[in-house]
Amino acid sequence: MAQARVATTTSLNGTGTATTTTMSHNKSDCSNGVLNLGEDSWEEFSIDVPWGTVAGKWWGSRNRQPIIALHGWQDNCGSFDRLCPLLSADHSVLAIDLPGHGKSSHYPQGMQYFIFWDGICLIRRIVRKFNWQNVILLGHSLGGALTFMYAASFPDEVAKLINIDIAGPTVRGVKRMAEGTGKALDKFLDYETLPASKLPCYSYDEMIKLVLDAYDGSVDETAVKVLMKRGMQVNPNHPGANEGYLFARDLRLKVSLLGMFTAEQTKAYARQIRCEVLNIRGIPGMKFEMPEVYADVIAILKEHAKSVVYVEVPGTHHLHLVTPERVAPYINNFLSDK
């Protein structure tokens, strides 16, 4: 396990139909005397929603209520492919492709993405469909913002909240939000009317290199290849041996400014959270526009939540994907603490 600093004080300034397709032998691994989920212990998952389907991967037994795991912006549920095998087999994990990501349906034309709000309702839709109680939530980046907001919105229904390299919704200054709204709306409409024939198409190697460069050191090539198993699709206009690839995600997701939060909004929601919290901060991790808000949110959580464990772990923003062996022990310890 990598060295990490455990902070006791803040050290920073609709009803659907579910279907599954078995993809594995459900083989588990054992390390350090602990039975883990293992690499092959997952099944494809999908649930009907009004705009199509929401897809994902269910890790572990289908006979127990799972941890609900949500990935980051423009990623997919493959973000957890290297972490889940290291988690205790005492738990199951349902890792979801958020709308417009991975294998989940895109929103219809004319419908906008409000990425910091849509996923909260999606969690609620799933919880209500299966009538789950005392849920455990796991989120990375955008997914962590969504799980944070759900825990704040339904404080008596969440047992544990695990967030990786995010404290709450990413905040923006009000001046920047006001100045950027018009550009964001025009950009969204431009993407909406872009013909399919104009979507950028790449070879497999070009796609991998493009994504690797875009993440600017947050992921390595191995991690990119994991993500792109669900993050790319064959271009139907270029079939055959020389086929090209398109991004599977909805291009409109690139418009992320709409519906963002101010620092005061995020802090107000933090005061609502009552569950046990584990926050894993990557060092150096993500660079935030207003980094002081991270520490402020952790401090507020320590005043209002049942308990808060804050740890700093060496790694990039995608440390759970690139170096999952550093992250898994903290999650397993947190989950086993009754």
C-alpha atoms as a PDB file:
ATOM      1  CA  MET A   1       0.000   0.000   0.000  1.00  0.00           C
ATOM      2  CA  ALA A   2       1.287   3.464  -0.786  1.00  0.00           C
ATOM      3  CA  GLN A   3       1.878   5.769   2.098  1.00  0.00           C
ATOM      4  CA  ALA A   4      -1.001   8.091   2.839  1.00  0.00           C
ATOM      5  CA  ARG A   5      -1.830  10.686   5.429  1.00  0.00           C
ATOM      6  CA  VAL A   6      -5.042  10.099   7.357  1.00  0.00           C
ATOM      7  CA  ALA A   7      -6.455  13.428   8.462  1.00  0.00           C
ATOM      8  CA  THR A   8      -8.427  13.727  11.686  1.00  0.00           C
ATOM      9  CA  THR A   9      -8.639  17.450  10.957  1.00  0.00           C
ATOM     10  CA  THR A  10      -8.703  19.113   7.566  1.00  0.00           C
ATOM     11  CA  SER A  11      -5.167  19.172   6.199  1.00  0.00           C
ATOM     12  CA  LEU A  12      -5.956  21.028   2.964  1.00  0.00           C
ATOM     13  CA  ASN A  13      -6.548  25.003   2.563  1.00  0.00           C
ATOM     14  CA  GLY A  14     -39.498   5.690 -13.692  1.00  0.00           C
ATOM     15  CA  THR A  15     -39.886   2.025 -13.380  1.00  0.00           C
ATOM     16  CA  GLY A  16     -37.967  -0.040 -15.928  1.00  0.00           C
ATOM     17  CA  THR A  17     -36.937  -3.572 -16.682  1.00  0.00           C
ATOM     18  CA  ALA A  18     -33.488  -4.734 -15.665  1.00  0.00           C
ATOM     19  CA  THR A  19     -31.680  -7.244 -17.839  1.00  0.00           C
ATOM     20  CA  THR A  20     -28.293  -8.900 -17.547  1.00  0.00           C
ATOM     21  CA  THR A  21     -26.056 -10.932 -19.797  1.00  0.00           C
ATOM     22  CA  THR A  22     -23.552 -13.190 -18.073  1.00  0.00           C
ATOM     23  CA  MET A  23     -20.043 -12.439 -19.271  1.00  0.00           C
ATOM     24  CA  SER A  24     -17.875 -14.458 -16.892  1.00  0.00           C
ATOM     25  CA  HIS A  25     -17.263 -17.367 -14.560  1.00  0.00           C
ATOM     26  CA  ASN A  26     -17.731 -15.187 -11.447  1.00  0.00           C
ATOM     27  CA  LYS A  27     -14.259 -16.195 -10.330  1.00  0.00           C
ATOM     28  CA  SER A  28     -12.910 -14.410  -7.261  1.00  0.00           C
ATOM     29  CA  ASP A  29      -9.348 -13.756  -6.217  1.00  0.00           C
ATOM     30  CA  CYS A  30      -7.753 -13.929  -2.813  1.00  0.00           C
ATOM     31  CA  SER A  31      -5.027 -11.532  -1.740  1.00  0.00           C
ATOM     32  CA  ASN A  32      -3.682 -10.815   1.742  1.00  0.00           C
ATOM     33  CA  GLY A  33      -6.096 -13.407   3.080  1.00  0.00           C
ATOM     34  CA  VAL A  34      -9.112 -11.421   1.855  1.00  0.00           C
ATOM     35  CA  LEU A  35     -11.459 -12.838  -0.763  1.00  0.00           C
ATOM     36  CA  ASN A  36     -11.798 -10.204  -3.491  1.00  0.00           C
ATOM     37  CA  LEU A  37     -14.267  -9.903  -6.350  1.00  0.00           C
ATOM     38  CA  GLY A  38     -11.694 -10.770  -9.015  1.00  0.00           C
ATOM     39  CA  GLU A  39     -11.461  -9.721 -12.651  1.00  0.00           C
ATOM     40  CA  ASP A  40     -14.151 -12.047 -14.024  1.00  0.00           C
ATOM     41  CA  SER A  41     -16.924 -11.509 -11.490  1.00  0.00           C
ATOM     42  CA  TRP A  42     -19.108  -9.163 -13.525  1.00  0.00           C
ATOM     43  CA  GLU A  43     -22.173  -9.199 -15.753  1.00  0.00           C
ATOM     44  CA  GLU A  44     -23.549  -6.650 -18.169  1.00  0.00           C
ATOM     45  CA  PHE A  45     -26.492  -4.715 -16.755  1.00  0.00           C
ATOM     46  CA  SER A  46     -29.193  -2.583 -18.335  1.00  0.00           C
ATOM     47  CA  ILE A  47     -32.354  -0.894 -17.187  1.00  0.00           C
ATOM     48  CA  ASP A  48     -35.082   0.667 -19.316  1.00  0.00           C
ATOM     49  CA  VAL A  49     -35.530   4.419 -18.914  1.00  0.00           C
ATOM     50  CA  PRO A  50     -37.883   6.824 -20.745  1.00  0.00           C
ATOM     51  CA  TRP A  51     -35.188   7.869 -23.260  1.00  0.00           C
ATOM     52  CA  GLY A  52     -33.776   4.361 -23.889  1.00  0.00           C
ATOM     53  CA  THR A  53     -31.533   2.292 -21.641  1.00  0.00           C
ATOM     54  CA  VAL A  54     -28.912   2.831 -18.975  1.00  0.00           C
ATOM     55  CA  ALA A  55     -26.136   0.242 -19.106  1.00  0.00           C
ATOM     56  CA  GLY A  56     -23.430  -0.823 -16.706  1.00  0.00           C
ATOM     57  CA  LYS A  57     -21.538  -3.681 -15.107  1.00  0.00           C
ATOM     58  CA  TRP A  58     -22.653  -5.586 -12.024  1.00  0.00           C
ATOM     59  CA  TRP A  59     -19.691  -6.909 -10.069  1.00  0.00           C
ATOM     60  CA  GLY A  60     -20.225  -9.754  -7.605  1.00  0.00           C
ATOM     61  CA  SER A  61     -23.326 -11.520  -6.362  1.00  0.00           C
ATOM     62  CA  ARG A  62     -26.730 -10.523  -7.719  1.00  0.00           C
ATOM     63  CA  ASN A  63     -28.251 -11.690  -4.436  1.00  0.00           C
ATOM     64  CA  ARG A  64     -27.157  -8.661  -2.434  1.00  0.00           C
ATOM     65  CA  GLN A  65     -27.754  -4.934  -2.720  1.00  0.00           C
ATOM     66  CA  PRO A  66     -24.785  -3.412  -4.558  1.00  0.00           C
ATOM     67  CA  ILE A  67     -22.671  -0.353  -4.025  1.00  0.00           C
ATOM     68  CA  ILE A  68     -23.700   2.122  -6.734  1.00  0.00           C
ATOM     69  CA  ALA A  69     -20.621   3.434  -8.556  1.00  0.00           C
ATOM     70  CA  LEU A  70     -20.563   6.443 -10.881  1.00  0.00           C
ATOM     71  CA  HIS A  71     -17.685   7.450 -13.157  1.00  0.00           C
ATOM     72  CA  GLY A  72     -16.294  10.829 -14.203  1.00  0.00           C
ATOM     73  CA  TRP A  73     -17.150  13.201 -17.034  1.00  0.00           C
ATOM     74  CA  GLN A  74     -16.704  11.662 -20.499  1.00  0.00           C
ATOM     75  CA  ASP A  75     -15.451   8.379 -18.954  1.00  0.00           C
ATOM     76  CA  ASN A  76     -17.625   5.275 -18.528  1.00  0.00           C
ATOM     77  CA  CYS A  77     -18.146   2.486 -16.027  1.00  0.00           C
ATOM     78  CA  GLY A  78     -14.914   0.873 -17.243  1.00  0.00           C
ATOM     79  CA  SER A  79     -13.310   3.468 -14.989  1.00  0.00           C
ATOM     80  CA  PHE A  80     -13.811   0.938 -12.166  1.00  0.00           C
ATOM     81  CA  ASP A  81     -12.582  -2.146 -14.075  1.00  0.00           C
ATOM     82  CA  ARG A  82      -9.233  -2.251 -12.282  1.00  0.00           C
ATOM     83  CA  LEU A  83     -10.558  -1.245  -8.843  1.00  0.00           C
ATOM     84  CA  CYS A  84     -13.548  -3.569  -8.492  1.00  0.00           C
ATOM     85  CA  PRO A  85     -11.520  -6.804  -8.729  1.00  0.00           C
ATOM     86  CA  LEU A  86      -9.587  -5.671  -5.638  1.00  0.00           C
ATOM     87  CA  LEU A  87     -12.668  -4.986  -3.536  1.00  0.00           C
ATOM     88  CA  SER A  88     -13.952  -7.452  -0.972  1.00  0.00           C
ATOM     89  CA  ALA A  89     -16.257 -10.187  -2.262  1.00  0.00           C
ATOM     90  CA  ASP A  90     -18.488  -9.365   0.724  1.00  0.00           C
ATOM     91  CA  HIS A  91     -19.873  -6.552  -1.430  1.00  0.00           C
ATOM     92  CA  SER A  92     -21.288  -6.206  -4.920  1.00  0.00           C
ATOM     93  CA  VAL A  93     -20.823  -3.145  -7.113  1.00  0.00           C
ATOM     94  CA  LEU A  94     -23.143  -1.775  -9.777  1.00  0.00           C
ATOM     95  CA  ALA A  95     -21.032   0.506 -11.980  1.00  0.00           C
ATOM     96  CA  ILE A  96     -23.227   2.606 -14.263  1.00  0.00           C
ATOM     97  CA  ASP A  97     -22.607   4.232 -17.630  1.00  0.00           C
ATOM     98  CA  LEU A  98     -24.123   7.679 -17.121  1.00  0.00           C
ATOM     99  CA  PRO A  99     -26.544   8.860 -19.845  1.00  0.00           C
ATOM    100  CA  GLY A 100     -24.719   9.602 -23.066  1.00  0.00           C
ATOM    101  CA  HIS A 101     -21.630   7.692 -21.902  1.00  0.00           C
ATOM    102  CA  GLY A 102     -20.374   4.193 -22.677  1.00  0.00           C
ATOM    103  CA  LYS A 103     -23.202   1.864 -23.695  1.00  0.00           C
ATOM    104  CA  SER A 104     -26.019   3.972 -22.239  1.00  0.00           C
ATOM    105  CA  SER A 105     -28.460   5.712 -24.551  1.00  0.00           C
ATOM    106  CA  HIS A 106     -27.854   9.279 -25.627  1.00  0.00           C
ATOM    107  CA  TYR A 107     -30.506  11.858 -24.841  1.00  0.00           C
ATOM    108  CA  PRO A 108     -32.913  12.595 -27.719  1.00  0.00           C
ATOM    109  CA  GLN A 109     -32.341  15.598 -29.960  1.00  0.00           C
ATOM    110  CA  GLY A 110     -33.599  18.756 -28.282  1.00  0.00           C
ATOM    111  CA  MET A 111     -32.879  17.492 -24.760  1.00  0.00           C
ATOM    112  CA  GLN A 112     -29.948  19.039 -22.921  1.00  0.00           C
ATOM    113  CA  TYR A 113     -27.445  17.479 -20.542  1.00  0.00           C
ATOM    114  CA  PHE A 114     -27.121  19.100 -17.149  1.00  0.00           C
ATOM    115  CA  ILE A 115     -24.331  16.805 -16.039  1.00  0.00           C
ATOM    116  CA  PHE A 116     -24.212  17.897 -12.396  1.00  0.00           C
ATOM    117  CA  TRP A 117     -27.939  17.261 -11.941  1.00  0.00           C
ATOM    118  CA  ASP A 118     -28.998  14.467 -14.296  1.00  0.00           C
ATOM    119  CA  GLY A 119     -27.143  11.735 -12.453  1.00  0.00           C
ATOM    120  CA  ILE A 120     -28.789  12.546  -9.128  1.00  0.00           C
ATOM    121  CA  CYS A 121     -32.184  11.705 -10.584  1.00  0.00           C
ATOM    122  CA  LEU A 122     -30.706   8.614 -12.245  1.00  0.00           C
ATOM    123  CA  ILE A 123     -29.498   7.289  -8.880  1.00  0.00           C
ATOM    124  CA  ARG A 124     -32.951   7.940  -7.447  1.00  0.00           C
ATOM    125  CA  ARG A 125     -34.617   6.181 -10.372  1.00  0.00           C
ATOM    126  CA  ILE A 126     -32.521   3.052  -9.795  1.00  0.00           C
ATOM    127  CA  VAL A 127     -32.912   3.079  -6.005  1.00  0.00           C
ATOM    128  CA  ARG A 128     -36.683   3.430  -6.256  1.00  0.00           C
ATOM    129  CA  LYS A 129     -37.003   0.720  -8.891  1.00  0.00           C
ATOM    130  CA  PHE A 130     -35.209  -1.868  -6.760  1.00  0.00           C
ATOM    131  CA  ASN A 131     -36.429  -0.475  -3.420  1.00  0.00           C
ATOM    132  CA  TRP A 132     -32.904  -0.377  -2.004  1.00  0.00           C
ATOM    133  CA  GLN A 133     -32.354   0.915   1.500  1.00  0.00           C
ATOM    134  CA  ASN A 134     -29.313   2.415   3.245  1.00  0.00           C
ATOM    135  CA  VAL A 135     -27.394   2.657  -0.006  1.00  0.00           C
ATOM    136  CA  ILE A 136     -23.623   2.846  -0.343  1.00  0.00           C
ATOM    137  CA  LEU A 137     -22.341   5.189  -3.037  1.00  0.00           C
ATOM    138  CA  LEU A 138     -18.958   5.304  -4.780  1.00  0.00           C
ATOM    139  CA  GLY A 139     -18.014   8.126  -7.126  1.00  0.00           C
ATOM    140  CA  HIS A 140     -15.030   9.461  -9.028  1.00  0.00           C
ATOM    141  CA  SER A 141     -14.842  13.072 -10.233  1.00  0.00           C
ATOM    142  CA  LEU A 142     -18.254  13.957 -11.755  1.00  0.00           C
ATOM    143  CA  GLY A 143     -19.592  10.696 -10.324  1.00  0.00           C
ATOM    144  CA  GLY A 144     -18.415  11.813  -6.884  1.00  0.00           C
ATOM    145  CA  ALA A 145     -20.212  15.128  -7.296  1.00  0.00           C
ATOM    146  CA  LEU A 146     -23.399  13.219  -8.109  1.00  0.00           C
ATOM    147  CA  THR A 147     -23.097  10.808  -5.174  1.00  0.00           C
ATOM    148  CA  PHE A 148     -22.349  13.766  -2.884  1.00  0.00           C
ATOM    149  CA  MET A 149     -25.501  15.517  -4.094  1.00  0.00           C
ATOM    150  CA  TYR A 150     -27.602  12.384  -3.668  1.00  0.00           C
ATOM    151  CA  ALA A 151     -26.334  11.892  -0.115  1.00  0.00           C
ATOM    152  CA  ALA A 152     -27.233  15.523   0.606  1.00  0.00           C
ATOM    153  CA  SER A 153     -30.663  15.278  -1.023  1.00  0.00           C
ATOM    154  CA  PHE A 154     -31.607  12.016   0.742  1.00  0.00           C
ATOM    155  CA  PRO A 155     -29.554  12.197   3.946  1.00  0.00           C
ATOM    156  CA  ASP A 156     -31.523   9.527   5.805  1.00  0.00           C
ATOM    157  CA  GLU A 157     -31.250   6.962   3.012  1.00  0.00           C
ATOM    158  CA  VAL A 158     -27.473   6.784   2.453  1.00  0.00           C
ATOM    159  CA  ALA A 159     -25.295   4.657   4.719  1.00  0.00           C
ATOM    160  CA  LYS A 160     -21.839   5.363   3.272  1.00  0.00           C
ATOM    161  CA  LEU A 161     -20.344   7.742   0.720  1.00  0.00           C
ATOM    162  CA  ILE A 162     -16.986   7.031  -0.933  1.00  0.00           C
ATOM    163  CA  ASN A 163     -15.572   9.747  -3.181  1.00  0.00           C
ATOM    164  CA  ILE A 164     -12.323   9.666  -5.131  1.00  0.00           C
ATOM    165  CA  ASP A 165     -10.479  12.934  -5.868  1.00  0.00           C
ATOM    166  CA  ILE A 166     -13.571  15.083  -5.461  1.00  0.00           C
ATOM    167  CA  ALA A 167     -15.229  16.605  -2.399  1.00  0.00           C
ATOM    168  CA  GLY A 168     -18.414  17.934  -4.005  1.00  0.00           C
ATOM    169  CA  PRO A 169     -19.579  19.446  -7.291  1.00  0.00           C
ATOM    170  CA  THR A 170     -16.902  21.344  -9.183  1.00  0.00           C
ATOM    171  CA  VAL A 171     -17.488  25.028  -8.514  1.00  0.00           C
ATOM    172  CA  ARG A 172     -17.105  27.998 -10.816  1.00  0.00           C
ATOM    173  CA  GLY A 173     -16.991  31.704 -10.125  1.00  0.00           C
ATOM    174  CA  VAL A 174     -20.279  33.430 -10.948  1.00  0.00           C
ATOM    175  CA  LYS A 175     -18.535  35.829 -13.357  1.00  0.00           C
ATOM    176  CA  ARG A 176     -17.142  32.957 -15.407  1.00  0.00           C
ATOM    177  CA  MET A 177     -20.515  31.200 -15.484  1.00  0.00           C
ATOM    178  CA  ALA A 178     -22.318  34.359 -16.601  1.00  0.00           C
ATOM    179  CA  GLU A 179     -19.785  35.116 -19.300  1.00  0.00           C
ATOM    180  CA  GLY A 180     -19.768  31.563 -20.651  1.00  0.00           C
ATOM    181  CA  THR A 181     -23.489  30.780 -20.844  1.00  0.00           C
ATOM    182  CA  GLY A 182     -24.114  32.127 -24.339  1.00  0.00           C
ATOM    183  CA  LYS A 183     -21.111  30.349 -25.828  1.00  0.00           C
ATOM    184  CA  ALA A 184     -22.154  27.097 -24.142  1.00  0.00           C
ATOM    185  CA  LEU A 185     -25.656  27.260 -25.602  1.00  0.00           C
ATOM    186  CA  ASP A 186     -24.422  27.940 -29.130  1.00  0.00           C
ATOM    187  CA  LYS A 187     -21.869  25.153 -28.829  1.00  0.00           C
ATOM    188  CA  PHE A 188     -24.569  22.735 -27.717  1.00  0.00           C
ATOM    189  CA  LEU A 189     -26.783  23.607 -30.685  1.00  0.00           C
ATOM    190  CA  ASP A 190     -23.850  23.273 -33.086  1.00  0.00           C
ATOM    191  CA  TYR A 191     -23.112  19.784 -31.793  1.00  0.00           C
ATOM    192  CA  GLU A 192     -26.793  18.838 -31.967  1.00  0.00           C
ATOM    193  CA  THR A 193     -27.017  19.647 -35.672  1.00  0.00           C
ATOM    194  CA  LEU A 194     -23.664  18.149 -36.656  1.00  0.00           C
ATOM    195  CA  PRO A 195     -24.302  15.413 -39.279  1.00  0.00           C
ATOM    196  CA  ALA A 196     -23.128  11.913 -38.394  1.00  0.00           C
ATOM    197  CA  SER A 197     -20.918  12.007 -41.483  1.00  0.00           C
ATOM    198  CA  LYS A 198     -18.993  14.898 -39.934  1.00  0.00           C
ATOM    199  CA  LEU A 199     -18.164  13.136 -36.666  1.00  0.00           C
ATOM    200  CA  PRO A 200     -14.403  12.630 -36.326  1.00  0.00           C
ATOM    201  CA  CYS A 201     -13.288   9.078 -37.174  1.00  0.00           C
ATOM    202  CA  TYR A 202      -9.972   7.493 -36.151  1.00  0.00           C
ATOM    203  CA  SER A 203      -8.032   4.287 -36.392  1.00  0.00           C
ATOM    204  CA  TYR A 204      -7.713   2.310 -33.151  1.00  0.00           C
ATOM    205  CA  ASP A 205      -4.155   3.500 -32.531  1.00  0.00           C
ATOM    206  CA  GLU A 206      -5.083   7.097 -33.340  1.00  0.00           C
ATOM    207  CA  MET A 207      -7.989   6.922 -30.909  1.00  0.00           C
ATOM    208  CA  ILE A 208      -5.827   5.575 -28.081  1.00  0.00           C
ATOM    209  CA  LYS A 209      -3.161   8.237 -28.625  1.00  0.00           C
ATOM    210  CA  LEU A 210      -5.740  11.005 -28.869  1.00  0.00           C
ATOM    211  CA  VAL A 211      -7.353  10.040 -25.562  1.00  0.00           C
ATOM    212  CA  LEU A 212      -3.982   9.534 -23.873  1.00  0.00           C
ATOM    213  CA  ASP A 213      -2.903  13.030 -24.882  1.00  0.00           C
ATOM    214  CA  ALA A 214      -6.254  14.590 -23.935  1.00  0.00           C
ATOM    215  CA  TYR A 215      -6.062  13.281 -20.371  1.00  0.00           C
ATOM    216  CA  ASP A 216      -2.734  15.080 -19.975  1.00  0.00           C
ATOM    217  CA  GLY A 217      -0.978  12.541 -17.747  1.00  0.00           C
ATOM    218  CA  SER A 218      -3.984  11.519 -15.645  1.00  0.00           C
ATOM    219  CA  VAL A 219      -4.065   8.066 -17.279  1.00  0.00           C
ATOM    220  CA  ASP A 220      -1.531   5.760 -18.890  1.00  0.00           C
ATOM    221  CA  GLU A 221      -1.958   3.746 -22.087  1.00  0.00           C
ATOM    222  CA  THR A 222      -3.182   0.669 -20.223  1.00  0.00           C
ATOM    223  CA  ALA A 223      -5.889   2.712 -18.520  1.00  0.00           C
ATOM    224  CA  VAL A 224      -6.945   4.310 -21.812  1.00  0.00           C
ATOM    225  CA  LYS A 225      -7.380   0.895 -23.416  1.00  0.00           C
ATOM    226  CA  VAL A 226      -9.574  -0.160 -20.494  1.00  0.00           C
ATOM    227  CA  LEU A 227     -11.765   2.931 -20.832  1.00  0.00           C
ATOM    228  CA  MET A 228     -12.068   2.657 -24.589  1.00  0.00           C
ATOM    229  CA  LYS A 229     -13.533  -0.848 -24.430  1.00  0.00           C
ATOM    230  CA  ARG A 230     -16.820   1.004 -23.804  1.00  0.00           C
ATOM    231  CA  GLY A 231     -15.702   4.414 -24.973  1.00  0.00           C
ATOM    232  CA  MET A 232     -15.411   3.782 -28.710  1.00  0.00           C
ATOM    233  CA  GLN A 233     -17.482   2.129 -31.412  1.00  0.00           C
ATOM    234  CA  VAL A 234     -16.982   1.055 -34.996  1.00  0.00           C
ATOM    235  CA  ASN A 235     -17.968   3.715 -37.489  1.00  0.00           C
ATOM    236  CA  PRO A 236     -20.933   2.221 -39.381  1.00  0.00           C
ATOM    237  CA  ASN A 237     -19.938   4.280 -42.433  1.00  0.00           C
ATOM    238  CA  HIS A 238     -16.537   2.562 -42.635  1.00  0.00           C
ATOM    239  CA  PRO A 239     -17.147  -1.204 -42.356  1.00  0.00           C
ATOM    240  CA  GLY A 240     -14.564  -3.789 -43.276  1.00  0.00           C
ATOM    241  CA  ALA A 241     -10.892  -4.382 -42.665  1.00  0.00           C
ATOM    242  CA  ASN A 242      -9.991  -0.694 -42.592  1.00  0.00           C
ATOM    243  CA  GLU A 243     -12.779   0.266 -40.232  1.00  0.00           C
ATOM    244  CA  GLY A 244     -12.588   3.499 -38.290  1.00  0.00           C
ATOM    245  CA  TYR A 245     -13.763   4.285 -34.788  1.00  0.00           C
ATOM    246  CA  LEU A 246     -15.986   6.962 -33.287  1.00  0.00           C
ATOM    247  CA  PHE A 247     -16.322   8.017 -29.674  1.00  0.00           C
ATOM    248  CA  ALA A 248     -19.289   6.217 -28.115  1.00  0.00           C
ATOM    249  CA  ARG A 249     -20.155   9.155 -25.881  1.00  0.00           C
ATOM    250  CA  ASP A 250     -22.560  11.885 -26.952  1.00  0.00           C
ATOM    251  CA  LEU A 251     -20.634  14.817 -28.410  1.00  0.00           C
ATOM    252  CA  ARG A 252     -23.049  17.188 -26.638  1.00  0.00           C
ATOM    253  CA  LEU A 253     -21.544  16.147 -23.296  1.00  0.00           C
ATOM    254  CA  LYS A 254     -18.598  18.406 -24.075  1.00  0.00           C
ATOM    255  CA  VAL A 255     -20.839  21.316 -23.059  1.00  0.00           C
ATOM    256  CA  SER A 256     -20.389  21.049 -19.301  1.00  0.00           C
ATOM    257  CA  LEU A 257     -20.827  24.605 -18.032  1.00  0.00           C
ATOM    258  CA  LEU A 258     -24.626  24.589 -17.756  1.00  0.00           C
ATOM    259  CA  GLY A 259     -25.999  23.897 -14.292  1.00  0.00           C
ATOM    260  CA  MET A 260     -22.732  24.206 -12.391  1.00  0.00           C
ATOM    261  CA  PHE A 261     -22.483  25.221  -8.733  1.00  0.00           C
ATOM    262  CA  THR A 262     -21.185  28.133  -6.747  1.00  0.00           C
ATOM    263  CA  ALA A 263     -19.048  27.508  -3.679  1.00  0.00           C
ATOM    264  CA  GLU A 264     -21.894  28.528  -1.372  1.00  0.00           C
ATOM    265  CA  GLN A 265     -24.293  26.075  -2.990  1.00  0.00           C
ATOM    266  CA  THR A 266     -21.830  23.215  -2.567  1.00  0.00           C
ATOM    267  CA  LYS A 267     -21.214  24.093   1.078  1.00  0.00           C
ATOM    268  CA  ALA A 268     -24.957  24.277   1.764  1.00  0.00           C
ATOM    269  CA  TYR A 269     -25.429  20.759   0.395  1.00  0.00           C
ATOM    270  CA  ALA A 270     -22.438  19.522   2.415  1.00  0.00           C
ATOM    271  CA  ARG A 271     -24.265  20.559   5.597  1.00  0.00           C
ATOM    272  CA  GLN A 272     -27.075  18.145   4.681  1.00  0.00           C
ATOM    273  CA  ILE A 273     -24.944  14.970   4.570  1.00  0.00           C
ATOM    274  CA  ARG A 274     -25.328  12.644   7.570  1.00  0.00           C
ATOM    275  CA  CYS A 275     -23.768   9.343   6.480  1.00  0.00           C
ATOM    276  CA  GLU A 276     -20.279   7.926   6.962  1.00  0.00           C
ATOM    277  CA  VAL A 277     -17.842   9.445   4.467  1.00  0.00           C
ATOM    278  CA  LEU A 278     -14.560   8.265   2.965  1.00  0.00           C
ATOM    279  CA  ASN A 279     -12.794  10.850   0.830  1.00  0.00           C
ATOM    280  CA  ILE A 280      -9.684   9.795  -1.088  1.00  0.00           C
ATOM    281  CA  ARG A 281      -7.709  12.731  -2.438  1.00  0.00           C
ATOM    282  CA  GLY A 282      -5.125  12.049  -5.121  1.00  0.00           C
ATOM    283  CA  ILE A 283      -1.794  13.826  -4.705  1.00  0.00           C
ATOM    284  CA  PRO A 284      -1.357  15.755  -6.924  1.00  0.00           C
ATOM    285  CA  GLY A 285      -4.724  14.621  -8.349  1.00  0.00           C
ATOM    286  CA  MET A 286      -6.954  17.126 -10.093  1.00  0.00           C
ATOM    287  CA  LYS A 287      -6.170  20.832 -10.226  1.00  0.00           C
ATOM    288  CA  PHE A 288      -9.297  22.743  -9.219  1.00  0.00           C
ATOM    289  CA  GLU A 289     -10.213  26.304 -10.161  1.00  0.00           C
ATOM    290  CA  MET A 290     -11.050  27.001  -6.500  1.00  0.00           C
ATOM    291  CA  PRO A 291      -8.992  24.414  -4.547  1.00  0.00           C
ATOM    292  CA  GLU A 292      -9.807  25.916  -1.166  1.00  0.00           C
ATOM    293  CA  VAL A 293     -13.400  24.704  -1.520  1.00  0.00           C
ATOM    294  CA  TYR A 294     -12.213  21.084  -1.236  1.00  0.00           C
ATOM    295  CA  ALA A 295     -10.893  21.704   2.278  1.00  0.00           C
ATOM    296  CA  ASP A 296     -13.944  23.762   3.219  1.00  0.00           C
ATOM    297  CA  VAL A 297     -16.287  20.936   2.208  1.00  0.00           C
ATOM    298  CA  ILE A 298     -14.307  18.336   4.167  1.00  0.00           C
ATOM    299  CA  ALA A 299     -14.398  20.586   7.238  1.00  0.00           C
ATOM    300  CA  ILE A 300     -18.174  21.024   6.930  1.00  0.00           C
ATOM    301  CA  LEU A 301     -18.679  17.287   6.502  1.00  0.00           C
ATOM    302  CA  LYS A 302     -16.743  16.682   9.714  1.00  0.00           C
ATOM    303  CA  GLU A 303     -19.191  18.920  11.536  1.00  0.00           C
ATOM    304  CA  HIS A 304     -22.367  17.321  10.173  1.00  0.00           C
ATOM    305  CA  ALA A 305     -21.732  13.786   8.846  1.00  0.00           C
ATOM    306  CA  LYS A 306     -21.728  10.700  11.051  1.00  0.00           C
ATOM    307  CA  SER A 307     -17.998  10.221  10.478  1.00  0.00           C
ATOM    308  CA  VAL A 308     -15.397  11.344   7.959  1.00  0.00           C
ATOM    309  CA  VAL A 309     -12.207   9.590   6.912  1.00  0.00           C
ATOM    310  CA  TYR A 310     -10.043  11.743   4.679  1.00  0.00           C
ATOM    311  CA  VAL A 311      -6.896  10.265   3.143  1.00  0.00           C
ATOM    312  CA  GLU A 312      -4.324  11.572   0.707  1.00  0.00           C
ATOM    313  CA  VAL A 313      -2.899   8.972  -1.674  1.00  0.00           C
ATOM    314  CA  PRO A 314      -0.124   9.561  -4.221  1.00  0.00           C
ATOM    315  CA  GLY A 315      -1.571   9.460  -7.709  1.00  0.00           C
ATOM    316  CA  THR A 316      -3.218  11.239 -10.587  1.00  0.00           C
ATOM    317  CA  HIS A 317      -6.853  12.267 -10.821  1.00  0.00           C
ATOM    318  CA  HIS A 318      -7.572   8.734 -12.133  1.00  0.00           C
ATOM    319  CA  LEU A 319      -5.624   7.048  -9.338  1.00  0.00           C
ATOM    320  CA  HIS A 320      -8.358   4.414  -8.874  1.00  0.00           C
ATOM    321  CA  LEU A 321      -7.843   3.318 -12.489  1.00  0.00           C
ATOM    322  CA  VAL A 322      -4.075   3.771 -12.863  1.00  0.00           C
ATOM    323  CA  THR A 323      -3.009   2.673  -9.361  1.00  0.00           C
ATOM    324  CA  PRO A 324      -6.023   0.820  -7.904  1.00  0.00           C
ATOM    325  CA  GLU A 325      -3.851  -1.137  -5.485  1.00  0.00           C
ATOM    326  CA  ARG A 326      -3.280   2.119  -3.579  1.00  0.00           C
ATOM    327  CA  VAL A 327      -6.980   2.893  -3.313  1.00  0.00           C
ATOM    328  CA  ALA A 328      -8.668  -0.471  -2.693  1.00  0.00           C
ATOM    329  CA  PRO A 329      -7.322  -1.072   0.856  1.00  0.00           C
ATOM    330  CA  TYR A 330      -8.857   2.153   2.136  1.00  0.00           C
ATOM    331  CA  ILE A 331     -12.215   1.305   0.593  1.00  0.00           C
ATOM    332  CA  ASN A 332     -12.158  -2.249   1.952  1.00  0.00           C
ATOM    333  CA  ASN A 333     -11.302  -1.013   5.443  1.00  0.00           C
ATOM    334  CA  PHE A 334     -14.053   1.581   5.290  1.00  0.00           C
ATOM    335  CA  LEU A 335     -16.632  -0.940   4.096  1.00  0.00           C
ATOM    336  CA  SER A 336     -15.692  -3.471   6.776  1.00  0.00           C
ATOM    337  CA  ASP A 337     -16.004  -0.916   9.568  1.00  0.00           C
ATOM    338  CA  LYS A 338     -19.417  -1.535  11.060  1.00  0.00           C
END
